[in-house]
């Protein structure tokens, strides 16, 4: 869990994660980030990530407020309405 959180912190993003452990997986129910222009985005949905595999660079990454789908992790983004 800490390594996943650090992934966002290293990219200077604001992240609020809610973690539930289910065997080898955890779910991400919410994540927040800011795009280059300062607009805040919210991720809502479910992500699954294997906890017994090393970080091999195939985990999801977020760039410019967009979610990139990858092995074991899927997060859908939408822009938060004000």
C-alpha atoms as a PDB file:
ATOM      1  CA  UNK A   1       0.000   0.000   0.000  1.00  0.00           C
ATOM      2  CA  UNK A   2       2.772   2.454   0.878  1.00  0.00           C
ATOM      3  CA  UNK A   3       4.583   1.834  -2.405  1.00  0.00           C
ATOM      4  CA  UNK A   4       1.378   2.573  -4.336  1.00  0.00           C
ATOM      5  CA  UNK A   5       0.859   5.778  -2.355  1.00  0.00           C
ATOM      6  CA  UNK A   6       4.500   6.813  -2.928  1.00  0.00           C
ATOM      7  CA  UNK A   7       3.974   6.409  -6.668  1.00  0.00           C
ATOM      8  CA  UNK A   8       1.564   9.338  -6.579  1.00  0.00           C
ATOM      9  CA  UNK A   9       3.536  11.361  -4.051  1.00  0.00           C
ATOM     10  CA  UNK A  10       6.668  11.251  -6.230  1.00  0.00           C
ATOM     11  CA  UNK A  11       4.652  12.901  -9.001  1.00  0.00           C
ATOM     12  CA  UNK A  12       3.435  15.692  -6.694  1.00  0.00           C
ATOM     13  CA  UNK A  13      -0.196  14.622  -6.924  1.00  0.00           C
ATOM     14  CA  UNK A  14      -2.826  14.850  -4.220  1.00  0.00           C
ATOM     15  CA  UNK A  15      -4.107  11.361  -3.493  1.00  0.00           C
ATOM     16  CA  UNK A  16      -6.814  10.141  -1.143  1.00  0.00           C
ATOM     17  CA  UNK A  17      -6.925   6.343  -1.127  1.00  0.00           C
ATOM     18  CA  UNK A  18      -9.395   4.072   0.596  1.00  0.00           C
ATOM     19  CA  UNK A  19      -7.904   0.595   0.913  1.00  0.00           C
ATOM     20  CA  UNK A  20      -9.664  -2.682   1.626  1.00  0.00           C
ATOM     21  CA  UNK A  21      -7.534  -5.828   1.792  1.00  0.00           C
ATOM     22  CA  UNK A  22      -9.054  -8.903   0.135  1.00  0.00           C
ATOM     23  CA  UNK A  23      -6.495 -11.680   0.068  1.00  0.00           C
ATOM     24  CA  UNK A  24      -3.817 -10.750  -2.441  1.00  0.00           C
ATOM     25  CA  UNK A  25      -5.647  -7.700  -3.717  1.00  0.00           C
ATOM     26  CA  UNK A  26      -6.654  -4.290  -2.532  1.00  0.00           C
ATOM     27  CA  UNK A  27      -9.265  -1.994  -4.006  1.00  0.00           C
ATOM     28  CA  UNK A  28      -8.835   1.673  -4.735  1.00  0.00           C
ATOM     29  CA  UNK A  29     -12.205   3.355  -4.398  1.00  0.00           C
ATOM     30  CA  UNK A  30     -11.128   6.954  -4.739  1.00  0.00           C
ATOM     31  CA  UNK A  31      -8.074   8.888  -5.912  1.00  0.00           C
ATOM     32  CA  UNK A  32      -7.621  12.580  -6.583  1.00  0.00           C
ATOM     33  CA  UNK A  33      -5.023  14.376  -8.658  1.00  0.00           C
ATOM     34  CA  UNK A  34      -4.437  17.773 -10.211  1.00  0.00           C
ATOM     35  CA  UNK A  35      -3.638  18.389 -13.860  1.00  0.00           C
ATOM     36  CA  UNK A  36      -0.925  20.797 -14.988  1.00  0.00           C
ATOM     37  CA  UNK A  37      -3.411  23.681 -15.113  1.00  0.00           C
ATOM     38  CA  UNK A  38      -4.537  23.016 -11.530  1.00  0.00           C
ATOM     39  CA  UNK A  39      -7.877  21.371 -12.343  1.00  0.00           C
ATOM     40  CA  UNK A  40      -8.707  18.618  -9.872  1.00  0.00           C
ATOM     41  CA  UNK A  41      -9.825  15.211 -11.082  1.00  0.00           C
ATOM     42  CA  UNK A  42     -11.482  12.436  -9.105  1.00  0.00           C
ATOM     43  CA  UNK A  43     -11.194   8.726  -9.831  1.00  0.00           C
ATOM     44  CA  UNK A  44     -14.194   6.663  -8.851  1.00  0.00           C
ATOM     45  CA  UNK A  45     -14.443   2.940  -9.391  1.00  0.00           C
ATOM     46  CA  UNK A  46     -12.537  -0.160  -8.416  1.00  0.00           C
ATOM     47  CA  UNK A  47      -8.904  -1.047  -9.025  1.00  0.00           C
ATOM     48  CA  UNK A  48      -7.222  -4.371  -8.326  1.00  0.00           C
ATOM     49  CA  UNK A  49      -3.519  -4.824  -7.827  1.00  0.00           C
ATOM     50  CA  UNK A  50      -1.692  -8.021  -6.931  1.00  0.00           C
ATOM     51  CA  UNK A  51       0.244  -7.618  -3.688  1.00  0.00           C
ATOM     52  CA  UNK A  52       2.439 -10.685  -4.197  1.00  0.00           C
ATOM     53  CA  UNK A  53       4.109  -9.495  -7.434  1.00  0.00           C
ATOM     54  CA  UNK A  54       7.025  -7.067  -7.577  1.00  0.00           C
ATOM     55  CA  UNK A  55       6.541  -3.644  -9.095  1.00  0.00           C
ATOM     56  CA  UNK A  56       7.515  -4.411 -12.685  1.00  0.00           C
ATOM     57  CA  UNK A  57       6.553  -1.120 -14.260  1.00  0.00           C
ATOM     58  CA  UNK A  58       3.196  -2.405 -15.472  1.00  0.00           C
ATOM     59  CA  UNK A  59       1.169  -0.717 -12.766  1.00  0.00           C
ATOM     60  CA  UNK A  60      -1.102   2.121 -13.740  1.00  0.00           C
ATOM     61  CA  UNK A  61       0.311   5.603 -14.000  1.00  0.00           C
ATOM     62  CA  UNK A  62      -1.516   8.897 -14.135  1.00  0.00           C
ATOM     63  CA  UNK A  63      -0.405  11.776 -16.300  1.00  0.00           C
ATOM     64  CA  UNK A  64      -2.207  15.027 -16.942  1.00  0.00           C
ATOM     65  CA  UNK A  65      -5.347  13.878 -15.157  1.00  0.00           C
ATOM     66  CA  UNK A  66      -5.763  10.816 -17.374  1.00  0.00           C
ATOM     67  CA  UNK A  67      -5.821   7.198 -16.259  1.00  0.00           C
ATOM     68  CA  UNK A  68      -3.682   4.704 -18.148  1.00  0.00           C
ATOM     69  CA  UNK A  69      -5.001   1.139 -17.934  1.00  0.00           C
ATOM     70  CA  UNK A  70      -2.446  -1.551 -17.179  1.00  0.00           C
ATOM     71  CA  UNK A  71      -2.021  -4.953 -15.602  1.00  0.00           C
ATOM     72  CA  UNK A  72      -4.151  -5.488 -12.455  1.00  0.00           C
ATOM     73  CA  UNK A  73      -5.145  -1.854 -12.181  1.00  0.00           C
ATOM     74  CA  UNK A  74      -7.940   0.085 -13.819  1.00  0.00           C
ATOM     75  CA  UNK A  75      -9.151   3.482 -12.718  1.00  0.00           C
ATOM     76  CA  UNK A  76     -11.763   5.491 -14.592  1.00  0.00           C
ATOM     77  CA  UNK A  77     -11.492   9.265 -14.459  1.00  0.00           C
ATOM     78  CA  UNK A  78     -14.009  12.033 -14.868  1.00  0.00           C
ATOM     79  CA  UNK A  79     -13.723  15.723 -14.212  1.00  0.00           C
ATOM     80  CA  UNK A  80     -15.378  16.768 -10.965  1.00  0.00           C
ATOM     81  CA  UNK A  81     -18.317  19.128 -11.484  1.00  0.00           C
ATOM     82  CA  UNK A  82     -18.321  22.256  -9.348  1.00  0.00           C
END
